[in-house]
Amino acid sequence: MLPTTILIDEQPRCVVRPNDTKDLNRFIRNGKLYLLAEKPDGRITHRSASDAEMTQWQNALALHRAWGGDDEHFFGVPLY
């Protein structure tokens, strides 16, 4: 899958790159406490990452690679 933005009440929370829809749904389910930490009653949705969000994700991936990390072990980056 392409990088996907997770939204809380339509506000971007993080950009992740799941392997497939099943992986995305697992992250949303397992990461609910993290995702809703600041808005416990918030609504979680997702969409394709915008150009600006994609740039942040690519920069974080470049940093991950710089220390020797591989693509398989990089999942995403928080936006706030």
PDB file of N, CA and C in Angstrom:
ATOM      1  N   MET A   1       0.836  -1.190   0.000  1.00  0.00           N
ATOM      2  CA  MET A   1       0.000   0.000   0.000  1.00  0.00           C
ATOM      3  C   MET A   1       0.876   1.247   0.000  1.00  0.00           C
ATOM      4  N   LEU A   2       0.313   2.318  -0.455  1.00  0.00           N
ATOM      5  CA  LEU A   2       0.995   3.608  -0.407  1.00  0.00           C
ATOM      6  C   LEU A   2       0.846   4.202   0.988  1.00  0.00           C
ATOM      7  N   PRO A   3       1.694   5.162   1.346  1.00  0.00           N
ATOM      8  CA  PRO A   3       1.535   5.817   2.642  1.00  0.00           C
ATOM      9  C   PRO A   3       0.110   6.356   2.814  1.00  0.00           C
ATOM     10  N   THR A   4      -0.415   6.125   4.004  1.00  0.00           N
ATOM     11  CA  THR A   4      -1.799   6.444   4.340  1.00  0.00           C
ATOM     12  C   THR A   4      -1.824   7.335   5.568  1.00  0.00           C
ATOM     13  N   THR A   5      -2.630   8.376   5.526  1.00  0.00           N
ATOM     14  CA  THR A   5      -2.762   9.273   6.671  1.00  0.00           C
ATOM     15  C   THR A   5      -3.912   8.802   7.544  1.00  0.00           C
ATOM     16  N   ILE A   6      -3.631   8.655   8.829  1.00  0.00           N
ATOM     17  CA  ILE A   6      -4.655   8.325   9.815  1.00  0.00           C
ATOM     18  C   ILE A   6      -5.168   9.646  10.368  1.00  0.00           C
ATOM     19  N   LEU A   7      -6.477   9.813  10.367  1.00  0.00           N
ATOM     20  CA  LEU A   7      -7.108  11.050  10.825  1.00  0.00           C
ATOM     21  C   LEU A   7      -7.910  10.796  12.096  1.00  0.00           C
ATOM     22  N   ILE A   8      -7.877  11.766  12.992  1.00  0.00           N
ATOM     23  CA  ILE A   8      -8.718  11.752  14.182  1.00  0.00           C
ATOM     24  C   ILE A   8      -9.625  12.966  14.067  1.00  0.00           C
ATOM     25  N   ASP A   9     -10.920  12.720  13.980  1.00  0.00           N
ATOM     26  CA  ASP A   9     -11.885  13.800  13.756  1.00  0.00           C
ATOM     27  C   ASP A   9     -11.457  14.676  12.579  1.00  0.00           C
ATOM     28  N   GLU A  10     -11.033  14.015  11.506  1.00  0.00           N
ATOM     29  CA  GLU A  10     -10.622  14.655  10.248  1.00  0.00           C
ATOM     30  C   GLU A  10      -9.325  15.460  10.345  1.00  0.00           C
ATOM     31  N   GLN A  11      -8.593  15.349  11.450  1.00  0.00           N
ATOM     32  CA  GLN A  11      -7.295  16.012  11.610  1.00  0.00           C
ATOM     33  C   GLN A  11      -6.188  14.964  11.472  1.00  0.00           C
ATOM     34  N   PRO A  12      -5.191  15.205  10.606  1.00  0.00           N
ATOM     35  CA  PRO A  12      -4.110  14.235  10.419  1.00  0.00           C
ATOM     36  C   PRO A  12      -3.362  13.944  11.726  1.00  0.00           C
ATOM     37  N   ARG A  13      -3.189  12.658  12.033  1.00  0.00           N
ATOM     38  CA  ARG A  13      -2.497  12.224  13.255  1.00  0.00           C
ATOM     39  C   ARG A  13      -1.145  11.591  12.943  1.00  0.00           C
ATOM     40  N   CYS A  14      -1.097  10.748  11.911  1.00  0.00           N
ATOM     41  CA  CYS A  14       0.157  10.096  11.540  1.00  0.00           C
ATOM     42  C   CYS A  14       0.055   9.584  10.109  1.00  0.00           C
ATOM     43  N   VAL A  15       1.218   9.293   9.540  1.00  0.00           N
ATOM     44  CA  VAL A  15       1.285   8.688   8.208  1.00  0.00           C
ATOM     45  C   VAL A  15       1.957   7.336   8.374  1.00  0.00           C
ATOM     46  N   VAL A  16       1.317   6.303   7.876  1.00  0.00           N
ATOM     47  CA  VAL A  16       1.832   4.939   7.986  1.00  0.00           C
ATOM     48  C   VAL A  16       1.826   4.287   6.606  1.00  0.00           C
ATOM     49  N   ARG A  17       2.629   3.242   6.468  1.00  0.00           N
ATOM     50  CA  ARG A  17       2.621   2.469   5.226  1.00  0.00           C
ATOM     51  C   ARG A  17       2.385   1.004   5.574  1.00  0.00           C
ATOM     52  N   PRO A  18       1.123   0.620   5.654  1.00  0.00           N
ATOM     53  CA  PRO A  18       0.815  -0.784   5.938  1.00  0.00           C
ATOM     54  C   PRO A  18       1.052  -1.651   4.698  1.00  0.00           C
ATOM     55  N   ASN A  19       1.201  -2.938   4.914  1.00  0.00           N
ATOM     56  CA  ASN A  19       1.402  -3.864   3.794  1.00  0.00           C
ATOM     57  C   ASN A  19       0.124  -4.070   2.990  1.00  0.00           C
ATOM     58  N   ASP A  20      -1.003  -4.068   3.692  1.00  0.00           N
ATOM     59  CA  ASP A  20      -2.290  -4.294   3.042  1.00  0.00           C
ATOM     60  C   ASP A  20      -3.400  -3.761   3.947  1.00  0.00           C
ATOM     61  N   THR A  21      -4.637  -3.897   3.505  1.00  0.00           N
ATOM     62  CA  THR A  21      -5.772  -3.383   4.273  1.00  0.00           C
ATOM     63  C   THR A  21      -5.882  -4.084   5.623  1.00  0.00           C
ATOM     64  N   LYS A  22      -5.593  -5.364   5.662  1.00  0.00           N
ATOM     65  CA  LYS A  22      -5.640  -6.110   6.921  1.00  0.00           C
ATOM     66  C   LYS A  22      -4.641  -5.516   7.920  1.00  0.00           C
ATOM     67  N   ASP A  23      -3.451  -5.194   7.453  1.00  0.00           N
ATOM     68  CA  ASP A  23      -2.412  -4.581   8.287  1.00  0.00           C
ATOM     69  C   ASP A  23      -2.859  -3.200   8.780  1.00  0.00           C
ATOM     70  N   LEU A  24      -3.485  -2.421   7.895  1.00  0.00           N
ATOM     71  CA  LEU A  24      -3.996  -1.103   8.272  1.00  0.00           C
ATOM     72  C   LEU A  24      -5.060  -1.230   9.356  1.00  0.00           C
ATOM     73  N   ASN A  25      -6.003  -2.126   9.171  1.00  0.00           N
ATOM     74  CA  ASN A  25      -7.059  -2.315  10.170  1.00  0.00           C
ATOM     75  C   ASN A  25      -6.500  -2.800  11.502  1.00  0.00           C
ATOM     76  N   ARG A  26      -5.476  -3.657  11.459  1.00  0.00           N
ATOM     77  CA  ARG A  26      -4.838  -4.134  12.693  1.00  0.00           C
ATOM     78  C   ARG A  26      -4.175  -2.974  13.427  1.00  0.00           C
ATOM     79  N   PHE A  27      -3.485  -2.091  12.678  1.00  0.00           N
ATOM     80  CA  PHE A  27      -2.850  -0.936  13.307  1.00  0.00           C
ATOM     81  C   PHE A  27      -3.892  -0.032  13.962  1.00  0.00           C
ATOM     82  N   ILE A  28      -4.970   0.236  13.265  1.00  0.00           N
ATOM     83  CA  ILE A  28      -6.012   1.101  13.828  1.00  0.00           C
ATOM     84  C   ILE A  28      -6.599   0.467  15.086  1.00  0.00           C
ATOM     85  N   ARG A  29      -6.854  -0.821  15.046  1.00  0.00           N
ATOM     86  CA  ARG A  29      -7.419  -1.527  16.210  1.00  0.00           C
ATOM     87  C   ARG A  29      -6.422  -1.556  17.376  1.00  0.00           C
ATOM     88  N   ASN A  30      -5.191  -1.974  17.111  1.00  0.00           N
ATOM     89  CA  ASN A  30      -4.198  -2.107  18.181  1.00  0.00           C
ATOM     90  C   ASN A  30      -3.648  -0.766  18.648  1.00  0.00           C
ATOM     91  N   GLY A  31      -3.663   0.240  17.777  1.00  0.00           N
ATOM     92  CA  GLY A  31      -3.115   1.549  18.114  1.00  0.00           C
ATOM     93  C   GLY A  31      -4.136   2.545  18.618  1.00  0.00           C
ATOM     94  N   LYS A  32      -5.345   2.082  18.894  1.00  0.00           N
ATOM     95  CA  LYS A  32      -6.434   2.982  19.281  1.00  0.00           C
ATOM     96  C   LYS A  32      -6.074   3.858  20.480  1.00  0.00           C
ATOM     97  N   LEU A  33      -5.446   3.300  21.511  1.00  0.00           N
ATOM     98  CA  LEU A  33      -5.065   4.103  22.685  1.00  0.00           C
ATOM     99  C   LEU A  33      -4.088   5.204  22.294  1.00  0.00           C
ATOM    100  N   TYR A  34      -3.118   4.885  21.454  1.00  0.00           N
ATOM    101  CA  TYR A  34      -2.154   5.884  20.974  1.00  0.00           C
ATOM    102  C   TYR A  34      -2.854   6.928  20.113  1.00  0.00           C
ATOM    103  N   LEU A  35      -3.634   6.470  19.160  1.00  0.00           N
ATOM    104  CA  LEU A  35      -4.280   7.381  18.221  1.00  0.00           C
ATOM    105  C   LEU A  35      -5.270   8.325  18.896  1.00  0.00           C
ATOM    106  N   LEU A  36      -5.983   7.828  19.897  1.00  0.00           N
ATOM    107  CA  LEU A  36      -7.018   8.625  20.557  1.00  0.00           C
ATOM    108  C   LEU A  36      -6.568   9.205  21.894  1.00  0.00           C
ATOM    109  N   ALA A  37      -5.269   9.222  22.149  1.00  0.00           N
ATOM    110  CA  ALA A  37      -4.752   9.693  23.442  1.00  0.00           C
ATOM    111  C   ALA A  37      -5.231  11.095  23.791  1.00  0.00           C
ATOM    112  N   GLU A  38      -5.273  11.987  22.817  1.00  0.00           N
ATOM    113  CA  GLU A  38      -5.668  13.371  23.089  1.00  0.00           C
ATOM    114  C   GLU A  38      -7.154  13.616  22.872  1.00  0.00           C
ATOM    115  N   LYS A  39      -7.828  12.701  22.197  1.00  0.00           N
ATOM    116  CA  LYS A  39      -9.267  12.825  21.923  1.00  0.00           C
ATOM    117  C   LYS A  39      -9.914  11.455  22.095  1.00  0.00           C
ATOM    118  N   PRO A  40     -10.134  11.025  23.335  1.00  0.00           N
ATOM    119  CA  PRO A  40     -10.648   9.673  23.583  1.00  0.00           C
ATOM    120  C   PRO A  40     -11.959   9.347  22.863  1.00  0.00           C
ATOM    121  N   ASP A  41     -12.761  10.348  22.581  1.00  0.00           N
ATOM    122  CA  ASP A  41     -14.034  10.109  21.903  1.00  0.00           C
ATOM    123  C   ASP A  41     -13.955  10.403  20.405  1.00  0.00           C
ATOM    124  N   GLY A  42     -12.738  10.567  19.893  1.00  0.00           N
ATOM    125  CA  GLY A  42     -12.550  10.916  18.487  1.00  0.00           C
ATOM    126  C   GLY A  42     -12.920   9.787  17.541  1.00  0.00           C
ATOM    127  N   ARG A  43     -13.082  10.144  16.287  1.00  0.00           N
ATOM    128  CA  ARG A  43     -13.415   9.181  15.240  1.00  0.00           C
ATOM    129  C   ARG A  43     -12.178   8.979  14.366  1.00  0.00           C
ATOM    130  N   ILE A  44     -11.784   7.736  14.168  1.00  0.00           N
ATOM    131  CA  ILE A  44     -10.603   7.391  13.376  1.00  0.00           C
ATOM    132  C   ILE A  44     -11.029   7.075  11.944  1.00  0.00           C
ATOM    133  N   THR A  45     -10.387   7.757  10.991  1.00  0.00           N
ATOM    134  CA  THR A  45     -10.571   7.466   9.571  1.00  0.00           C
ATOM    135  C   THR A  45      -9.192   7.481   8.914  1.00  0.00           C
ATOM    136  N   HIS A  46      -9.138   7.205   7.628  1.00  0.00           N
ATOM    137  CA  HIS A  46      -7.859   7.245   6.910  1.00  0.00           C
ATOM    138  C   HIS A  46      -8.090   7.640   5.463  1.00  0.00           C
ATOM    139  N   ARG A  47      -7.023   8.100   4.827  1.00  0.00           N
ATOM    140  CA  ARG A  47      -7.037   8.491   3.417  1.00  0.00           C
ATOM    141  C   ARG A  47      -5.608   8.427   2.898  1.00  0.00           C
ATOM    142  N   SER A  48      -5.453   8.562   1.605  1.00  0.00           N
ATOM    143  CA  SER A  48      -4.106   8.625   1.018  1.00  0.00           C
ATOM    144  C   SER A  48      -3.392   9.866   1.544  1.00  0.00           C
ATOM    145  N   ALA A  49      -2.101   9.757   1.741  1.00  0.00           N
ATOM    146  CA  ALA A  49      -1.314  10.890   2.240  1.00  0.00           C
ATOM    147  C   ALA A  49      -1.260  12.002   1.194  1.00  0.00           C
ATOM    148  N   SER A  50      -1.356  13.246   1.657  1.00  0.00           N
ATOM    149  CA  SER A  50      -1.206  14.407   0.770  1.00  0.00           C
ATOM    150  C   SER A  50       0.270  14.550   0.400  1.00  0.00           C
ATOM    151  N   ASP A  51       0.569  15.452  -0.518  1.00  0.00           N
ATOM    152  CA  ASP A  51       1.965  15.671  -0.911  1.00  0.00           C
ATOM    153  C   ASP A  51       2.817  16.103   0.278  1.00  0.00           C
ATOM    154  N   ALA A  52       2.301  17.011   1.106  1.00  0.00           N
ATOM    155  CA  ALA A  52       3.055  17.491   2.272  1.00  0.00           C
ATOM    156  C   ALA A  52       3.270  16.364   3.279  1.00  0.00           C
ATOM    157  N   GLU A  53       2.245  15.550   3.512  1.00  0.00           N
ATOM    158  CA  GLU A  53       2.362  14.422   4.445  1.00  0.00           C
ATOM    159  C   GLU A  53       3.319  13.374   3.892  1.00  0.00           C
ATOM    160  N   MET A  54       3.267  13.164   2.588  1.00  0.00           N
ATOM    161  CA  MET A  54       4.171  12.214   1.941  1.00  0.00           C
ATOM    162  C   MET A  54       5.618  12.670   2.096  1.00  0.00           C
ATOM    163  N   THR A  55       5.856  13.965   1.996  1.00  0.00           N
ATOM    164  CA  THR A  55       7.205  14.505   2.173  1.00  0.00           C
ATOM    165  C   THR A  55       7.702  14.231   3.584  1.00  0.00           C
ATOM    166  N   GLN A  56       6.866  14.442   4.597  1.00  0.00           N
ATOM    167  CA  GLN A  56       7.270  14.151   5.978  1.00  0.00           C
ATOM    168  C   GLN A  56       7.582  12.671   6.143  1.00  0.00           C
ATOM    169  N   TRP A  57       6.756  11.821   5.559  1.00  0.00           N
ATOM    170  CA  TRP A  57       6.965  10.383   5.657  1.00  0.00           C
ATOM    171  C   TRP A  57       8.278   9.993   4.975  1.00  0.00           C
ATOM    172  N   GLN A  58       8.544  10.552   3.787  1.00  0.00           N
ATOM    173  CA  GLN A  58       9.778  10.240   3.059  1.00  0.00           C
ATOM    174  C   GLN A  58      11.011  10.726   3.814  1.00  0.00           C
ATOM    175  N   ASN A  59      10.921  11.890   4.452  1.00  0.00           N
ATOM    176  CA  ASN A  59      12.043  12.397   5.246  1.00  0.00           C
ATOM    177  C   ASN A  59      12.320  11.488   6.439  1.00  0.00           C
ATOM    178  N   ALA A  60      11.276  11.026   7.093  1.00  0.00           N
ATOM    179  CA  ALA A  60      11.453  10.114   8.230  1.00  0.00           C
ATOM    180  C   ALA A  60      12.042   8.787   7.757  1.00  0.00           C
ATOM    181  N   LEU A  61      11.593   8.295   6.611  1.00  0.00           N
ATOM    182  CA  LEU A  61      12.147   7.059   6.052  1.00  0.00           C
ATOM    183  C   LEU A  61      13.622   7.244   5.707  1.00  0.00           C
ATOM    184  N   ALA A  62      13.987   8.397   5.151  1.00  0.00           N
ATOM    185  CA  ALA A  62      15.392   8.669   4.823  1.00  0.00           C
ATOM    186  C   ALA A  62      16.255   8.656   6.083  1.00  0.00           C
ATOM    187  N   LEU A  63      15.754   9.222   7.165  1.00  0.00           N
ATOM    188  CA  LEU A  63      16.482   9.198   8.438  1.00  0.00           C
ATOM    189  C   LEU A  63      16.634   7.760   8.931  1.00  0.00           C
ATOM    190  N   HIS A  64      15.570   6.983   8.829  1.00  0.00           N
ATOM    191  CA  HIS A  64      15.594   5.573   9.231  1.00  0.00           C
ATOM    192  C   HIS A  64      16.650   4.805   8.422  1.00  0.00           C
ATOM    193  N   ARG A  65      16.705   5.058   7.127  1.00  0.00           N
ATOM    194  CA  ARG A  65      17.695   4.393   6.266  1.00  0.00           C
ATOM    195  C   ARG A  65      19.117   4.848   6.582  1.00  0.00           C
ATOM    196  N   ALA A  66      19.273   6.123   6.958  1.00  0.00           N
ATOM    197  CA  ALA A  66      20.604   6.683   7.215  1.00  0.00           C
ATOM    198  C   ALA A  66      21.330   5.941   8.334  1.00  0.00           C
ATOM    199  N   TRP A  67      20.614   5.442   9.311  1.00  0.00           N
ATOM    200  CA  TRP A  67      21.269   4.705  10.393  1.00  0.00           C
ATOM    201  C   TRP A  67      21.350   3.213  10.102  1.00  0.00           C
ATOM    202  N   GLY A  68      20.887   2.807   8.902  1.00  0.00           N
ATOM    203  CA  GLY A  68      21.009   1.416   8.492  1.00  0.00           C
ATOM    204  C   GLY A  68      19.717   0.634   8.551  1.00  0.00           C
ATOM    205  N   GLY A  69      18.616   1.303   8.870  1.00  0.00           N
ATOM    206  CA  GLY A  69      17.327   0.620   8.916  1.00  0.00           C
ATOM    207  C   GLY A  69      16.852   0.262   7.510  1.00  0.00           C
ATOM    208  N   ASP A  70      16.060  -0.793   7.415  1.00  0.00           N
ATOM    209  CA  ASP A  70      15.531  -1.178   6.109  1.00  0.00           C
ATOM    210  C   ASP A  70      14.053  -0.806   5.999  1.00  0.00           C
ATOM    211  N   ASP A  71      13.568  -0.803   4.782  1.00  0.00           N
ATOM    212  CA  ASP A  71      12.191  -0.385   4.518  1.00  0.00           C
ATOM    213  C   ASP A  71      11.168  -1.250   5.253  1.00  0.00           C
ATOM    214  N   GLU A  72      11.439  -2.535   5.375  1.00  0.00           N
ATOM    215  CA  GLU A  72      10.502  -3.458   6.014  1.00  0.00           C
ATOM    216  C   GLU A  72      10.239  -3.131   7.480  1.00  0.00           C
ATOM    217  N   HIS A  73      11.187  -2.488   8.137  1.00  0.00           N
ATOM    218  CA  HIS A  73      11.038  -2.193   9.561  1.00  0.00           C
ATOM    219  C   HIS A  73      10.654  -0.748   9.839  1.00  0.00           C
ATOM    220  N   PHE A  74      10.267  -0.018   8.804  1.00  0.00           N
ATOM    221  CA  PHE A  74       9.801   1.359   8.985  1.00  0.00           C
ATOM    222  C   PHE A  74       8.316   1.382   8.693  1.00  0.00           C
ATOM    223  N   PHE A  75       7.522   1.826   9.675  1.00  0.00           N
ATOM    224  CA  PHE A  75       6.070   1.798   9.502  1.00  0.00           C
ATOM    225  C   PHE A  75       5.475   3.175   9.272  1.00  0.00           C
ATOM    226  N   GLY A  76       5.896   4.165  10.064  1.00  0.00           N
ATOM    227  CA  GLY A  76       5.266   5.463   9.897  1.00  0.00           C
ATOM    228  C   GLY A  76       5.871   6.546  10.752  1.00  0.00           C
ATOM    229  N   VAL A  77       5.190   7.696  10.726  1.00  0.00           N
ATOM    230  CA  VAL A  77       5.679   8.872  11.438  1.00  0.00           C
ATOM    231  C   VAL A  77       4.485   9.657  11.986  1.00  0.00           C
ATOM    232  N   PRO A  78       4.570  10.108  13.246  1.00  0.00           N
ATOM    233  CA  PRO A  78       3.495  10.958  13.773  1.00  0.00           C
ATOM    234  C   PRO A  78       3.547  12.336  13.123  1.00  0.00           C
ATOM    235  N   LEU A  79       2.403  12.965  12.987  1.00  0.00           N
ATOM    236  CA  LEU A  79       2.355  14.306  12.404  1.00  0.00           C
ATOM    237  C   LEU A  79       2.248  15.380  13.471  1.00  0.00           C
ATOM    238  N   TYR A  80       1.927  15.001  14.702  1.00  0.00           N
ATOM    239  CA  TYR A  80       1.942  15.937  15.835  1.00  0.00           C
ATOM    240  C   TYR A  80       2.195  15.192  17.101  1.00  0.00           C
TER     241      TYR A  80
END
